[in-house]
C-alpha cells in the first residue's frame, strides 16, 4: 500500500474538517476511557444523530463507531505496553464491563489476545 496515505489522511482530517466533526473527535479523544453515547456526542456538536453519522462518514471516510474503536485500540495498546496494571484494570479503564469483553475486542482488532500482546511488547522493550 501507499506509505504516504495515513499522513495524507491525517492532514486532511486536521485541516479540511467541519468544525462539528473536529469537536466530536476532540470529545472522543478526551473521553476514550469512558463509555460513549453517540446521541450525546451528536447533541453536543449541535446535530441530530443521523446527520452526525452522515457528516462524520463524509468527512473522515469512517463511521463514528470505527473511529471510536480505533481510539480505544490505540489506548489499549498504550496501556498494555506501558502500565503494570492487571488486565481487568486495563479493561475497566477503557470502559469495558468485563475482562472477557475487552479480550475479545482486542483479539478481534489486533489478532492476538491482550496477554500475548503484553508479553511480546515487554520482551521487545
PDB file of N, CA and C in Angstrom:
ATOM      1  N   UNK A   1       0.846  -1.198   0.000  1.00  0.00           N
ATOM      2  CA  UNK A   1       0.000   0.000   0.000  1.00  0.00           C
ATOM      3  C   UNK A   1       0.880   1.245   0.000  1.00  0.00           C
ATOM      4  N   UNK A   2       0.253   2.362  -0.247  1.00  0.00           N
ATOM      5  CA  UNK A   2       0.948   3.642  -0.320  1.00  0.00           C
ATOM      6  C   UNK A   2       1.322   4.107   1.086  1.00  0.00           C
ATOM      7  N   UNK A   3       2.597   4.225   1.348  1.00  0.00           N
ATOM      8  CA  UNK A   3       3.072   4.574   2.689  1.00  0.00           C
ATOM      9  C   UNK A   3       2.660   5.985   3.102  1.00  0.00           C
ATOM     10  N   UNK A   4       2.406   6.859   2.145  1.00  0.00           N
ATOM     11  CA  UNK A   4       2.073   8.245   2.490  1.00  0.00           C
ATOM     12  C   UNK A   4       0.583   8.429   2.797  1.00  0.00           C
ATOM     13  N   UNK A   5      -0.228   7.434   2.534  1.00  0.00           N
ATOM     14  CA  UNK A   5      -1.678   7.577   2.713  1.00  0.00           C
ATOM     15  C   UNK A   5      -2.086   7.972   4.132  1.00  0.00           C
ATOM     16  N   UNK A   6      -1.563   7.310   5.188  1.00  0.00           N
ATOM     17  CA  UNK A   6      -2.012   7.706   6.525  1.00  0.00           C
ATOM     18  C   UNK A   6      -1.684   9.165   6.833  1.00  0.00           C
ATOM     19  N   UNK A   7      -0.511   9.619   6.431  1.00  0.00           N
ATOM     20  CA  UNK A   7      -0.137  11.009   6.671  1.00  0.00           C
ATOM     21  C   UNK A   7      -1.090  11.954   5.937  1.00  0.00           C
ATOM     22  N   UNK A   8      -1.397  11.635   4.688  1.00  0.00           N
ATOM     23  CA  UNK A   8      -2.323  12.469   3.926  1.00  0.00           C
ATOM     24  C   UNK A   8      -3.690  12.496   4.587  1.00  0.00           C
ATOM     25  N   UNK A   9      -4.149  11.345   5.055  1.00  0.00           N
ATOM     26  CA  UNK A   9      -5.448  11.265   5.718  1.00  0.00           C
ATOM     27  C   UNK A   9      -5.440  12.128   6.979  1.00  0.00           C
ATOM     28  N   UNK A  10      -4.337  12.067   7.723  1.00  0.00           N
ATOM     29  CA  UNK A  10      -4.229  12.846   8.949  1.00  0.00           C
ATOM     30  C   UNK A  10      -4.275  14.334   8.632  1.00  0.00           C
ATOM     31  N   UNK A  11      -3.559  14.743   7.613  1.00  0.00           N
ATOM     32  CA  UNK A  11      -3.553  16.153   7.219  1.00  0.00           C
ATOM     33  C   UNK A  11      -4.962  16.590   6.827  1.00  0.00           C
ATOM     34  N   UNK A  12      -5.639  15.748   6.043  1.00  0.00           N
ATOM     35  CA  UNK A  12      -6.997  16.081   5.607  1.00  0.00           C
ATOM     36  C   UNK A  12      -7.917  16.211   6.821  1.00  0.00           C
ATOM     37  N   UNK A  13      -7.787  15.293   7.764  1.00  0.00           N
ATOM     38  CA  UNK A  13      -8.633  15.334   8.952  1.00  0.00           C
ATOM     39  C   UNK A  13      -8.381  16.624   9.738  1.00  0.00           C
ATOM     40  N   UNK A  14      -7.144  17.031   9.854  1.00  0.00           N
ATOM     41  CA  UNK A  14      -6.826  18.203  10.669  1.00  0.00           C
ATOM     42  C   UNK A  14      -7.144  19.528   9.984  1.00  0.00           C
ATOM     43  N   UNK A  15      -7.163  19.571   8.674  1.00  0.00           N
ATOM     44  CA  UNK A  15      -7.278  20.866   8.022  1.00  0.00           C
ATOM     45  C   UNK A  15      -8.629  21.138   7.371  1.00  0.00           C
ATOM     46  N   UNK A  16      -9.273  20.120   6.805  1.00  0.00           N
ATOM     47  CA  UNK A  16     -10.435  20.400   5.986  1.00  0.00           C
ATOM     48  C   UNK A  16     -11.748  20.007   6.643  1.00  0.00           C
ATOM     49  N   UNK A  17     -11.684  19.636   7.894  1.00  0.00           N
ATOM     50  CA  UNK A  17     -12.857  19.076   8.503  1.00  0.00           C
ATOM     51  C   UNK A  17     -13.854  20.096   9.019  1.00  0.00           C
ATOM     52  N   UNK A  18     -15.096  19.743   8.910  1.00  0.00           N
ATOM     53  CA  UNK A  18     -16.178  20.508   9.513  1.00  0.00           C
ATOM     54  C   UNK A  18     -15.889  20.659  11.012  1.00  0.00           C
ATOM     55  N   UNK A  19     -16.100  21.856  11.552  1.00  0.00           N
ATOM     56  CA  UNK A  19     -15.766  22.110  12.956  1.00  0.00           C
ATOM     57  C   UNK A  19     -16.535  21.187  13.895  1.00  0.00           C
ATOM     58  N   UNK A  20     -17.741  20.755  13.484  1.00  0.00           N
ATOM     59  CA  UNK A  20     -18.532  19.870  14.354  1.00  0.00           C
ATOM     60  C   UNK A  20     -17.898  18.482  14.428  1.00  0.00           C
ATOM     61  N   UNK A  21     -17.330  18.032  13.330  1.00  0.00           N
ATOM     62  CA  UNK A  21     -16.642  16.740  13.333  1.00  0.00           C
ATOM     63  C   UNK A  21     -15.360  16.858  14.149  1.00  0.00           C
ATOM     64  N   UNK A  22     -14.636  17.960  13.980  1.00  0.00           N
ATOM     65  CA  UNK A  22     -13.418  18.170  14.787  1.00  0.00           C
ATOM     66  C   UNK A  22     -13.759  18.162  16.272  1.00  0.00           C
ATOM     67  N   UNK A  23     -14.842  18.852  16.632  1.00  0.00           N
ATOM     68  CA  UNK A  23     -15.252  18.905  18.045  1.00  0.00           C
ATOM     69  C   UNK A  23     -15.635  17.508  18.541  1.00  0.00           C
ATOM     70  N   UNK A  24     -16.337  16.744  17.709  1.00  0.00           N
ATOM     71  CA  UNK A  24     -16.727  15.382  18.085  1.00  0.00           C
ATOM     72  C   UNK A  24     -15.487  14.523  18.322  1.00  0.00           C
ATOM     73  N   UNK A  25     -14.483  14.661  17.461  1.00  0.00           N
ATOM     74  CA  UNK A  25     -13.242  13.891  17.604  1.00  0.00           C
ATOM     75  C   UNK A  25     -12.521  14.292  18.887  1.00  0.00           C
ATOM     76  N   UNK A  26     -12.498  15.591  19.192  1.00  0.00           N
ATOM     77  CA  UNK A  26     -11.883  16.042  20.449  1.00  0.00           C
ATOM     78  C   UNK A  26     -12.611  15.427  21.646  1.00  0.00           C
ATOM     79  N   UNK A  27     -13.935  15.402  21.581  1.00  0.00           N
ATOM     80  CA  UNK A  27     -14.722  14.798  22.660  1.00  0.00           C
ATOM     81  C   UNK A  27     -14.403  13.313  22.804  1.00  0.00           C
ATOM     82  N   UNK A  28     -14.310  12.616  21.687  1.00  0.00           N
ATOM     83  CA  UNK A  28     -13.998  11.184  21.729  1.00  0.00           C
ATOM     84  C   UNK A  28     -12.626  10.955  22.349  1.00  0.00           C
ATOM     85  N   UNK A  29     -11.643  11.740  21.919  1.00  0.00           N
ATOM     86  CA  UNK A  29     -10.283  11.577  22.446  1.00  0.00           C
ATOM     87  C   UNK A  29     -10.234  11.877  23.937  1.00  0.00           C
ATOM     88  N   UNK A  30     -10.944  12.923  24.358  1.00  0.00           N
ATOM     89  CA  UNK A  30     -10.937  13.318  25.765  1.00  0.00           C
ATOM     90  C   UNK A  30     -11.634  12.287  26.644  1.00  0.00           C
ATOM     91  N   UNK A  31     -12.526  11.497  26.044  1.00  0.00           N
ATOM     92  CA  UNK A  31     -13.326  10.540  26.812  1.00  0.00           C
ATOM     93  C   UNK A  31     -13.059   9.097  26.404  1.00  0.00           C
ATOM     94  N   UNK A  32     -11.844   8.832  25.889  1.00  0.00           N
ATOM     95  CA  UNK A  32     -11.540   7.494  25.368  1.00  0.00           C
ATOM     96  C   UNK A  32     -11.679   6.417  26.447  1.00  0.00           C
ATOM     97  N   UNK A  33     -11.553   6.802  27.696  1.00  0.00           N
ATOM     98  CA  UNK A  33     -11.645   5.822  28.778  1.00  0.00           C
ATOM     99  C   UNK A  33     -13.046   5.768  29.392  1.00  0.00           C
ATOM    100  N   UNK A  34     -14.021   6.333  28.723  1.00  0.00           N
ATOM    101  CA  UNK A  34     -15.408   6.298  29.197  1.00  0.00           C
ATOM    102  C   UNK A  34     -16.228   5.437  28.251  1.00  0.00           C
ATOM    103  N   UNK A  35     -17.439   5.135  28.669  1.00  0.00           N
ATOM    104  CA  UNK A  35     -18.398   4.546  27.725  1.00  0.00           C
ATOM    105  C   UNK A  35     -18.972   5.721  26.951  1.00  0.00           C
ATOM    106  N   UNK A  36     -19.233   5.525  25.671  1.00  0.00           N
ATOM    107  CA  UNK A  36     -19.666   6.649  24.850  1.00  0.00           C
ATOM    108  C   UNK A  36     -21.106   6.464  24.397  1.00  0.00           C
ATOM    109  N   UNK A  37     -21.801   7.596  24.298  1.00  0.00           N
ATOM    110  CA  UNK A  37     -23.149   7.604  23.748  1.00  0.00           C
ATOM    111  C   UNK A  37     -23.126   8.571  22.568  1.00  0.00           C
ATOM    112  N   UNK A  38     -23.276   8.038  21.361  1.00  0.00           N
ATOM    113  CA  UNK A  38     -23.182   8.894  20.181  1.00  0.00           C
ATOM    114  C   UNK A  38     -24.334   9.887  20.084  1.00  0.00           C
ATOM    115  N   UNK A  39     -25.466   9.591  20.734  1.00  0.00           N
ATOM    116  CA  UNK A  39     -26.553  10.581  20.800  1.00  0.00           C
ATOM    117  C   UNK A  39     -26.049  11.829  21.519  1.00  0.00           C
ATOM    118  N   UNK A  40     -25.318  11.614  22.631  1.00  0.00           N
ATOM    119  CA  UNK A  40     -24.777  12.741  23.401  1.00  0.00           C
ATOM    120  C   UNK A  40     -23.727  13.500  22.601  1.00  0.00           C
ATOM    121  N   UNK A  41     -22.862  12.766  21.892  1.00  0.00           N
ATOM    122  CA  UNK A  41     -21.834  13.413  21.072  1.00  0.00           C
ATOM    123  C   UNK A  41     -22.505  14.270  19.999  1.00  0.00           C
ATOM    124  N   UNK A  42     -23.477  13.695  19.310  1.00  0.00           N
ATOM    125  CA  UNK A  42     -24.192  14.423  18.260  1.00  0.00           C
ATOM    126  C   UNK A  42     -24.833  15.687  18.837  1.00  0.00           C
ATOM    127  N   UNK A  43     -25.512  15.534  19.970  1.00  0.00           N
ATOM    128  CA  UNK A  43     -26.184  16.673  20.608  1.00  0.00           C
ATOM    129  C   UNK A  43     -25.175  17.749  20.986  1.00  0.00           C
ATOM    130  N   UNK A  44     -24.016  17.339  21.504  1.00  0.00           N
ATOM    131  CA  UNK A  44     -23.032  18.314  21.975  1.00  0.00           C
ATOM    132  C   UNK A  44     -22.387  19.086  20.823  1.00  0.00           C
ATOM    133  N   UNK A  45     -22.477  18.560  19.605  1.00  0.00           N
ATOM    134  CA  UNK A  45     -21.955  19.316  18.453  1.00  0.00           C
ATOM    135  C   UNK A  45     -23.094  19.917  17.624  1.00  0.00           C
ATOM    136  N   UNK A  46     -24.318  19.834  18.165  1.00  0.00           N
ATOM    137  CA  UNK A  46     -25.450  20.517  17.554  1.00  0.00           C
ATOM    138  C   UNK A  46     -26.057  19.818  16.350  1.00  0.00           C
ATOM    139  N   UNK A  47     -25.951  18.490  16.297  1.00  0.00           N
ATOM    140  CA  UNK A  47     -26.500  17.739  15.166  1.00  0.00           C
ATOM    141  C   UNK A  47     -27.415  16.631  15.661  1.00  0.00           C
ATOM    142  N   UNK A  48     -28.341  16.230  14.801  1.00  0.00           N
ATOM    143  CA  UNK A  48     -29.117  15.028  15.086  1.00  0.00           C
ATOM    144  C   UNK A  48     -28.181  13.835  14.902  1.00  0.00           C
ATOM    145  N   UNK A  49     -28.546  12.701  15.483  1.00  0.00           N
ATOM    146  CA  UNK A  49     -27.714  11.505  15.339  1.00  0.00           C
ATOM    147  C   UNK A  49     -27.515  11.126  13.863  1.00  0.00           C
ATOM    148  N   UNK A  50     -28.589  11.052  13.050  1.00  0.00           N
ATOM    149  CA  UNK A  50     -28.371  10.671  11.641  1.00  0.00           C
ATOM    150  C   UNK A  50     -27.480  11.669  10.882  1.00  0.00           C
ATOM    151  N   UNK A  51     -27.678  12.971  11.138  1.00  0.00           N
ATOM    152  CA  UNK A  51     -26.861  13.980  10.460  1.00  0.00           C
ATOM    153  C   UNK A  51     -25.403  13.876  10.917  1.00  0.00           C
ATOM    154  N   UNK A  52     -25.214  13.647  12.217  1.00  0.00           N
ATOM    155  CA  UNK A  52     -23.860  13.485  12.752  1.00  0.00           C
ATOM    156  C   UNK A  52     -23.157  12.298  12.094  1.00  0.00           C
ATOM    157  N   UNK A  53     -23.842  11.146  12.044  1.00  0.00           N
ATOM    158  CA  UNK A  53     -23.227   9.956  11.436  1.00  0.00           C
ATOM    159  C   UNK A  53     -22.888  10.201   9.968  1.00  0.00           C
ATOM    160  N   UNK A  54     -23.807  10.837   9.240  1.00  0.00           N
ATOM    161  CA  UNK A  54     -23.587  11.092   7.812  1.00  0.00           C
ATOM    162  C   UNK A  54     -22.414  12.057   7.607  1.00  0.00           C
ATOM    163  N   UNK A  55     -22.378  13.137   8.377  1.00  0.00           N
ATOM    164  CA  UNK A  55     -21.314  14.135   8.237  1.00  0.00           C
ATOM    165  C   UNK A  55     -19.957  13.540   8.633  1.00  0.00           C
ATOM    166  N   UNK A  56     -19.934  12.776   9.708  1.00  0.00           N
ATOM    167  CA  UNK A  56     -18.690  12.164  10.176  1.00  0.00           C
ATOM    168  C   UNK A  56     -18.128  11.245   9.100  1.00  0.00           C
ATOM    169  N   UNK A  57     -18.990  10.416   8.541  1.00  0.00           N
ATOM    170  CA  UNK A  57     -18.576   9.469   7.497  1.00  0.00           C
ATOM    171  C   UNK A  57     -18.092  10.225   6.260  1.00  0.00           C
ATOM    172  N   UNK A  58     -18.805  11.275   5.895  1.00  0.00           N
ATOM    173  CA  UNK A  58     -18.421  12.074   4.721  1.00  0.00           C
ATOM    174  C   UNK A  58     -17.054  12.728   4.926  1.00  0.00           C
ATOM    175  N   UNK A  59     -16.801  13.193   6.131  1.00  0.00           N
ATOM    176  CA  UNK A  59     -15.574  13.939   6.423  1.00  0.00           C
ATOM    177  C   UNK A  59     -14.359  13.041   6.669  1.00  0.00           C
ATOM    178  N   UNK A  60     -14.574  11.869   7.243  1.00  0.00           N
ATOM    179  CA  UNK A  60     -13.436  11.032   7.661  1.00  0.00           C
ATOM    180  C   UNK A  60     -13.345   9.717   6.893  1.00  0.00           C
ATOM    181  N   UNK A  61     -14.375   9.382   6.145  1.00  0.00           N
ATOM    182  CA  UNK A  61     -14.494   8.074   5.482  1.00  0.00           C
ATOM    183  C   UNK A  61     -14.628   6.930   6.477  1.00  0.00           C
ATOM    184  N   UNK A  62     -14.920   7.242   7.730  1.00  0.00           N
ATOM    185  CA  UNK A  62     -15.131   6.223   8.765  1.00  0.00           C
ATOM    186  C   UNK A  62     -16.436   6.524   9.487  1.00  0.00           C
ATOM    187  N   UNK A  63     -17.056   5.486  10.024  1.00  0.00           N
ATOM    188  CA  UNK A  63     -18.204   5.739  10.891  1.00  0.00           C
ATOM    189  C   UNK A  63     -17.668   6.170  12.256  1.00  0.00           C
ATOM    190  N   UNK A  64     -18.481   6.874  13.045  1.00  0.00           N
ATOM    191  CA  UNK A  64     -18.027   7.229  14.398  1.00  0.00           C
ATOM    192  C   UNK A  64     -17.626   5.990  15.208  1.00  0.00           C
ATOM    193  N   UNK A  65     -18.344   4.881  15.031  1.00  0.00           N
ATOM    194  CA  UNK A  65     -18.022   3.656  15.780  1.00  0.00           C
ATOM    195  C   UNK A  65     -16.629   3.135  15.437  1.00  0.00           C
ATOM    196  N   UNK A  66     -16.299   3.109  14.153  1.00  0.00           N
ATOM    197  CA  UNK A  66     -14.980   2.621  13.734  1.00  0.00           C
ATOM    198  C   UNK A  66     -13.891   3.549  14.274  1.00  0.00           C
ATOM    199  N   UNK A  67     -14.117   4.852  14.179  1.00  0.00           N
ATOM    200  CA  UNK A  67     -13.145   5.821  14.694  1.00  0.00           C
ATOM    201  C   UNK A  67     -12.961   5.624  16.201  1.00  0.00           C
ATOM    202  N   UNK A  68     -14.072   5.482  16.913  1.00  0.00           N
ATOM    203  CA  UNK A  68     -14.054   5.287  18.369  1.00  0.00           C
ATOM    204  C   UNK A  68     -13.282   4.024  18.736  1.00  0.00           C
ATOM    205  N   UNK A  69     -13.548   2.931  18.020  1.00  0.00           N
ATOM    206  CA  UNK A  69     -12.841   1.682  18.301  1.00  0.00           C
ATOM    207  C   UNK A  69     -11.352   1.806  18.025  1.00  0.00           C
ATOM    208  N   UNK A  70     -10.990   2.584  17.013  1.00  0.00           N
ATOM    209  CA  UNK A  70      -9.574   2.812  16.713  1.00  0.00           C
ATOM    210  C   UNK A  70      -8.904   3.567  17.863  1.00  0.00           C
ATOM    211  N   UNK A  71      -9.566   4.599  18.375  1.00  0.00           N
ATOM    212  CA  UNK A  71      -9.025   5.340  19.519  1.00  0.00           C
ATOM    213  C   UNK A  71      -8.846   4.416  20.727  1.00  0.00           C
ATOM    214  N   UNK A  72      -9.851   3.586  20.979  1.00  0.00           N
ATOM    215  CA  UNK A  72      -9.780   2.678  22.127  1.00  0.00           C
ATOM    216  C   UNK A  72      -8.662   1.653  21.951  1.00  0.00           C
ATOM    217  N   UNK A  73      -8.467   1.193  20.723  1.00  0.00           N
ATOM    218  CA  UNK A  73      -7.391   0.235  20.474  1.00  0.00           C
ATOM    219  C   UNK A  73      -6.033   0.878  20.731  1.00  0.00           C
ATOM    220  N   UNK A  74      -5.858   2.102  20.243  1.00  0.00           N
ATOM    221  CA  UNK A  74      -4.582   2.804  20.475  1.00  0.00           C
ATOM    222  C   UNK A  74      -4.315   2.936  21.969  1.00  0.00           C
ATOM    223  N   UNK A  75      -5.347   3.281  22.726  1.00  0.00           N
ATOM    224  CA  UNK A  75      -5.199   3.446  24.173  1.00  0.00           C
ATOM    225  C   UNK A  75      -4.953   2.099  24.847  1.00  0.00           C
ATOM    226  N   UNK A  76      -5.631   1.059  24.387  1.00  0.00           N
ATOM    227  CA  UNK A  76      -5.420  -0.285  24.952  1.00  0.00           C
ATOM    228  C   UNK A  76      -3.981  -0.731  24.734  1.00  0.00           C
ATOM    229  N   UNK A  77      -3.475  -0.532  23.518  1.00  0.00           N
ATOM    230  CA  UNK A  77      -2.092  -0.908  23.199  1.00  0.00           C
ATOM    231  C   UNK A  77      -1.130  -0.127  24.090  1.00  0.00           C
ATOM    232  N   UNK A  78      -1.383   1.168  24.236  1.00  0.00           N
ATOM    233  CA  UNK A  78      -0.517   2.002  25.085  1.00  0.00           C
ATOM    234  C   UNK A  78      -0.522   1.487  26.526  1.00  0.00           C
ATOM    235  N   UNK A  79      -1.710   1.220  27.049  1.00  0.00           N
ATOM    236  CA  UNK A  79      -1.790   0.757  28.446  1.00  0.00           C
ATOM    237  C   UNK A  79      -1.159  -0.621  28.628  1.00  0.00           C
ATOM    238  N   UNK A  80      -1.353  -1.498  27.656  1.00  0.00           N
ATOM    239  CA  UNK A  80      -0.762  -2.838  27.777  1.00  0.00           C
ATOM    240  C   UNK A  80       0.759  -2.777  27.721  1.00  0.00           C
ATOM    241  N   UNK A  81       1.274  -1.861  26.907  1.00  0.00           N
ATOM    242  CA  UNK A  81       2.738  -1.753  26.784  1.00  0.00           C
ATOM    243  C   UNK A  81       3.357  -1.105  28.007  1.00  0.00           C
ATOM    244  N   UNK A  82       2.742  -0.038  28.512  1.00  0.00           N
ATOM    245  CA  UNK A  82       3.435   0.810  29.472  1.00  0.00           C
ATOM    246  C   UNK A  82       2.946   0.715  30.901  1.00  0.00           C
ATOM    247  N   UNK A  83       1.748   0.187  31.128  1.00  0.00           N
ATOM    248  CA  UNK A  83       1.286   0.118  32.515  1.00  0.00           C
ATOM    249  C   UNK A  83       1.508  -1.288  33.047  1.00  0.00           C
ATOM    250  N   UNK A  84       1.620  -1.371  34.351  1.00  0.00           N
ATOM    251  CA  UNK A  84       1.774  -2.667  35.012  1.00  0.00           C
ATOM    252  C   UNK A  84       0.428  -3.147  35.535  1.00  0.00           C
ATOM    253  N   UNK A  85      -0.620  -2.419  35.215  1.00  0.00           N
ATOM    254  CA  UNK A  85      -1.951  -2.748  35.723  1.00  0.00           C
ATOM    255  C   UNK A  85      -2.392  -4.123  35.238  1.00  0.00           C
ATOM    256  N   UNK A  86      -3.124  -4.850  36.074  1.00  0.00           N
ATOM    257  CA  UNK A  86      -3.678  -6.128  35.612  1.00  0.00           C
ATOM    258  C   UNK A  86      -4.673  -5.898  34.471  1.00  0.00           C
ATOM    259  N   UNK A  87      -4.871  -6.936  33.703  1.00  0.00           N
ATOM    260  CA  UNK A  87      -5.744  -6.852  32.533  1.00  0.00           C
ATOM    261  C   UNK A  87      -7.136  -6.339  32.883  1.00  0.00           C
ATOM    262  N   UNK A  88      -7.691  -6.768  33.999  1.00  0.00           N
ATOM    263  CA  UNK A  88      -9.037  -6.339  34.378  1.00  0.00           C
ATOM    264  C   UNK A  88      -9.063  -4.822  34.581  1.00  0.00           C
ATOM    265  N   UNK A  89      -7.970  -4.262  35.119  1.00  0.00           N
ATOM    266  CA  UNK A  89      -7.900  -2.806  35.315  1.00  0.00           C
ATOM    267  C   UNK A  89      -7.838  -2.080  33.985  1.00  0.00           C
ATOM    268  N   UNK A  90      -7.037  -2.605  33.051  1.00  0.00           N
ATOM    269  CA  UNK A  90      -6.956  -2.009  31.712  1.00  0.00           C
ATOM    270  C   UNK A  90      -8.338  -2.044  31.065  1.00  0.00           C
ATOM    271  N   UNK A  91      -9.021  -3.179  31.190  1.00  0.00           N
ATOM    272  CA  UNK A  91     -10.367  -3.323  30.624  1.00  0.00           C
ATOM    273  C   UNK A  91     -11.310  -2.274  31.217  1.00  0.00           C
ATOM    274  N   UNK A  92     -11.309  -2.158  32.549  1.00  0.00           N
ATOM    275  CA  UNK A  92     -12.182  -1.185  33.223  1.00  0.00           C
ATOM    276  C   UNK A  92     -11.801   0.249  32.862  1.00  0.00           C
ATOM    277  N   UNK A  93     -10.490   0.508  32.753  1.00  0.00           N
ATOM    278  CA  UNK A  93     -10.009   1.843  32.370  1.00  0.00           C
ATOM    279  C   UNK A  93     -10.579   2.279  31.025  1.00  0.00           C
ATOM    280  N   UNK A  94     -10.839   1.305  30.152  1.00  0.00           N
ATOM    281  CA  UNK A  94     -11.330   1.621  28.808  1.00  0.00           C
ATOM    282  C   UNK A  94     -12.842   1.462  28.686  1.00  0.00           C
ATOM    283  N   UNK A  95     -13.516   1.323  29.824  1.00  0.00           N
ATOM    284  CA  UNK A  95     -14.971   1.305  29.812  1.00  0.00           C
ATOM    285  C   UNK A  95     -15.594  -0.047  29.487  1.00  0.00           C
ATOM    286  N   UNK A  96     -14.796  -1.109  29.496  1.00  0.00           N
ATOM    287  CA  UNK A  96     -15.367  -2.446  29.264  1.00  0.00           C
ATOM    288  C   UNK A  96     -15.934  -2.958  30.579  1.00  0.00           C
ATOM    289  N   UNK A  97     -17.050  -3.668  30.500  1.00  0.00           N
ATOM    290  CA  UNK A  97     -17.683  -4.149  31.726  1.00  0.00           C
ATOM    291  C   UNK A  97     -17.042  -5.431  32.225  1.00  0.00           C
ATOM    292  N   UNK A  98     -16.431  -6.208  31.318  1.00  0.00           N
ATOM    293  CA  UNK A  98     -15.747  -7.430  31.749  1.00  0.00           C
ATOM    294  C   UNK A  98     -14.412  -7.566  31.030  1.00  0.00           C
ATOM    295  N   UNK A  99     -13.509  -8.309  31.660  1.00  0.00           N
ATOM    296  CA  UNK A  99     -12.218  -8.585  31.036  1.00  0.00           C
ATOM    297  C   UNK A  99     -12.412  -9.395  29.758  1.00  0.00           C
ATOM    298  N   UNK A 100     -13.405 -10.281  29.748  1.00  0.00           N
ATOM    299  CA  UNK A 100     -13.690 -11.102  28.570  1.00  0.00           C
ATOM    300  C   UNK A 100     -14.087 -10.256  27.358  1.00  0.00           C
ATOM    301  N   UNK A 101     -14.937  -9.262  27.602  1.00  0.00           N
ATOM    302  CA  UNK A 101     -15.342  -8.358  26.507  1.00  0.00           C
ATOM    303  C   UNK A 101     -14.127  -7.628  25.945  1.00  0.00           C
ATOM    304  N   UNK A 102     -13.272  -7.142  26.838  1.00  0.00           N
ATOM    305  CA  UNK A 102     -12.065  -6.441  26.409  1.00  0.00           C
ATOM    306  C   UNK A 102     -11.155  -7.373  25.614  1.00  0.00           C
ATOM    307  N   UNK A 103     -10.931  -8.574  26.138  1.00  0.00           N
ATOM    308  CA  UNK A 103     -10.038  -9.530  25.462  1.00  0.00           C
ATOM    309  C   UNK A 103     -10.553  -9.871  24.064  1.00  0.00           C
ATOM    310  N   UNK A 104     -11.857 -10.059  23.946  1.00  0.00           N
ATOM    311  CA  UNK A 104     -12.457 -10.368  22.638  1.00  0.00           C
ATOM    312  C   UNK A 104     -12.276  -9.182  21.681  1.00  0.00           C
ATOM    313  N   UNK A 105     -12.572  -7.980  22.165  1.00  0.00           N
ATOM    314  CA  UNK A 105     -12.415  -6.764  21.363  1.00  0.00           C
ATOM    315  C   UNK A 105     -10.966  -6.631  20.890  1.00  0.00           C
ATOM    316  N   UNK A 106     -10.025  -6.818  21.809  1.00  0.00           N
ATOM    317  CA  UNK A 106      -8.609  -6.667  21.484  1.00  0.00           C
ATOM    318  C   UNK A 106      -8.180  -7.712  20.461  1.00  0.00           C
ATOM    319  N   UNK A 107      -8.540  -8.972  20.705  1.00  0.00           N
ATOM    320  CA  UNK A 107      -8.166 -10.063  19.793  1.00  0.00           C
ATOM    321  C   UNK A 107      -8.759  -9.833  18.400  1.00  0.00           C
ATOM    322  N   UNK A 108     -10.015  -9.386  18.348  1.00  0.00           N
ATOM    323  CA  UNK A 108     -10.660  -9.139  17.049  1.00  0.00           C
ATOM    324  C   UNK A 108      -9.949  -8.038  16.265  1.00  0.00           C
ATOM    325  N   UNK A 109      -9.400  -7.043  16.964  1.00  0.00           N
ATOM    326  CA  UNK A 109      -8.771  -5.911  16.284  1.00  0.00           C
ATOM    327  C   UNK A 109      -7.278  -6.097  16.033  1.00  0.00           C
ATOM    328  N   UNK A 110      -6.600  -6.801  16.927  1.00  0.00           N
ATOM    329  CA  UNK A 110      -5.140  -6.929  16.841  1.00  0.00           C
ATOM    330  C   UNK A 110      -4.717  -8.301  16.326  1.00  0.00           C
ATOM    331  N   UNK A 111      -5.548  -9.295  16.582  1.00  0.00           N
ATOM    332  CA  UNK A 111      -5.237 -10.633  16.085  1.00  0.00           C
ATOM    333  C   UNK A 111      -4.636 -11.560  17.125  1.00  0.00           C
ATOM    334  N   UNK A 112      -4.275 -11.004  18.271  1.00  0.00           N
ATOM    335  CA  UNK A 112      -3.758 -11.830  19.375  1.00  0.00           C
ATOM    336  C   UNK A 112      -4.434 -11.373  20.667  1.00  0.00           C
ATOM    337  N   UNK A 113      -4.529 -12.257  21.654  1.00  0.00           N
ATOM    338  CA  UNK A 113      -5.102 -11.841  22.938  1.00  0.00           C
ATOM    339  C   UNK A 113      -4.217 -10.796  23.621  1.00  0.00           C
ATOM    340  N   UNK A 114      -4.811  -9.950  24.460  1.00  0.00           N
ATOM    341  CA  UNK A 114      -4.025  -8.893  25.124  1.00  0.00           C
ATOM    342  C   UNK A 114      -2.886  -9.428  25.981  1.00  0.00           C
ATOM    343  N   UNK A 115      -3.060 -10.599  26.602  1.00  0.00           N
ATOM    344  CA  UNK A 115      -1.976 -11.161  27.426  1.00  0.00           C
ATOM    345  C   UNK A 115      -0.751 -11.467  26.565  1.00  0.00           C
ATOM    346  N   UNK A 116      -0.976 -12.068  25.404  1.00  0.00           N
ATOM    347  CA  UNK A 116       0.136 -12.379  24.493  1.00  0.00           C
ATOM    348  C   UNK A 116       0.778 -11.102  23.973  1.00  0.00           C
ATOM    349  N   UNK A 117      -0.053 -10.127  23.645  1.00  0.00           N
ATOM    350  CA  UNK A 117       0.465  -8.855  23.149  1.00  0.00           C
ATOM    351  C   UNK A 117       1.368  -8.217  24.205  1.00  0.00           C
ATOM    352  N   UNK A 118       0.899  -8.208  25.432  1.00  0.00           N
ATOM    353  CA  UNK A 118       1.670  -7.587  26.520  1.00  0.00           C
ATOM    354  C   UNK A 118       3.002  -8.308  26.712  1.00  0.00           C
ATOM    355  N   UNK A 119       2.984  -9.637  26.704  1.00  0.00           N
ATOM    356  CA  UNK A 119       4.237 -10.403  26.856  1.00  0.00           C
ATOM    357  C   UNK A 119       5.225 -10.058  25.735  1.00  0.00           C
ATOM    358  N   UNK A 120       4.722 -10.007  24.516  1.00  0.00           N
ATOM    359  CA  UNK A 120       5.578  -9.704  23.360  1.00  0.00           C
ATOM    360  C   UNK A 120       6.126  -8.280  23.458  1.00  0.00           C
ATOM    361  N   UNK A 121       5.269  -7.343  23.834  1.00  0.00           N
ATOM    362  CA  UNK A 121       5.686  -5.936  23.936  1.00  0.00           C
ATOM    363  C   UNK A 121       6.762  -5.770  25.006  1.00  0.00           C
ATOM    364  N   UNK A 122       6.621  -6.485  26.106  1.00  0.00           N
ATOM    365  CA  UNK A 122       7.612  -6.392  27.190  1.00  0.00           C
ATOM    366  C   UNK A 122       8.923  -7.053  26.811  1.00  0.00           C
ATOM    367  N   UNK A 123       8.823  -8.121  26.032  1.00  0.00           N
ATOM    368  CA  UNK A 123      10.046  -8.822  25.608  1.00  0.00           C
ATOM    369  C   UNK A 123      10.895  -7.928  24.712  1.00  0.00           C
ATOM    370  N   UNK A 124      10.230  -7.077  23.925  1.00  0.00           N
ATOM    371  CA  UNK A 124      10.931  -6.181  22.995  1.00  0.00           C
ATOM    372  C   UNK A 124      11.523  -5.000  23.742  1.00  0.00           C
ATOM    373  N   UNK A 125      10.770  -4.495  24.731  1.00  0.00           N
ATOM    374  CA  UNK A 125      11.165  -3.252  25.408  1.00  0.00           C
ATOM    375  C   UNK A 125      12.432  -3.398  26.214  1.00  0.00           C
TER     376      UNK A 125
END
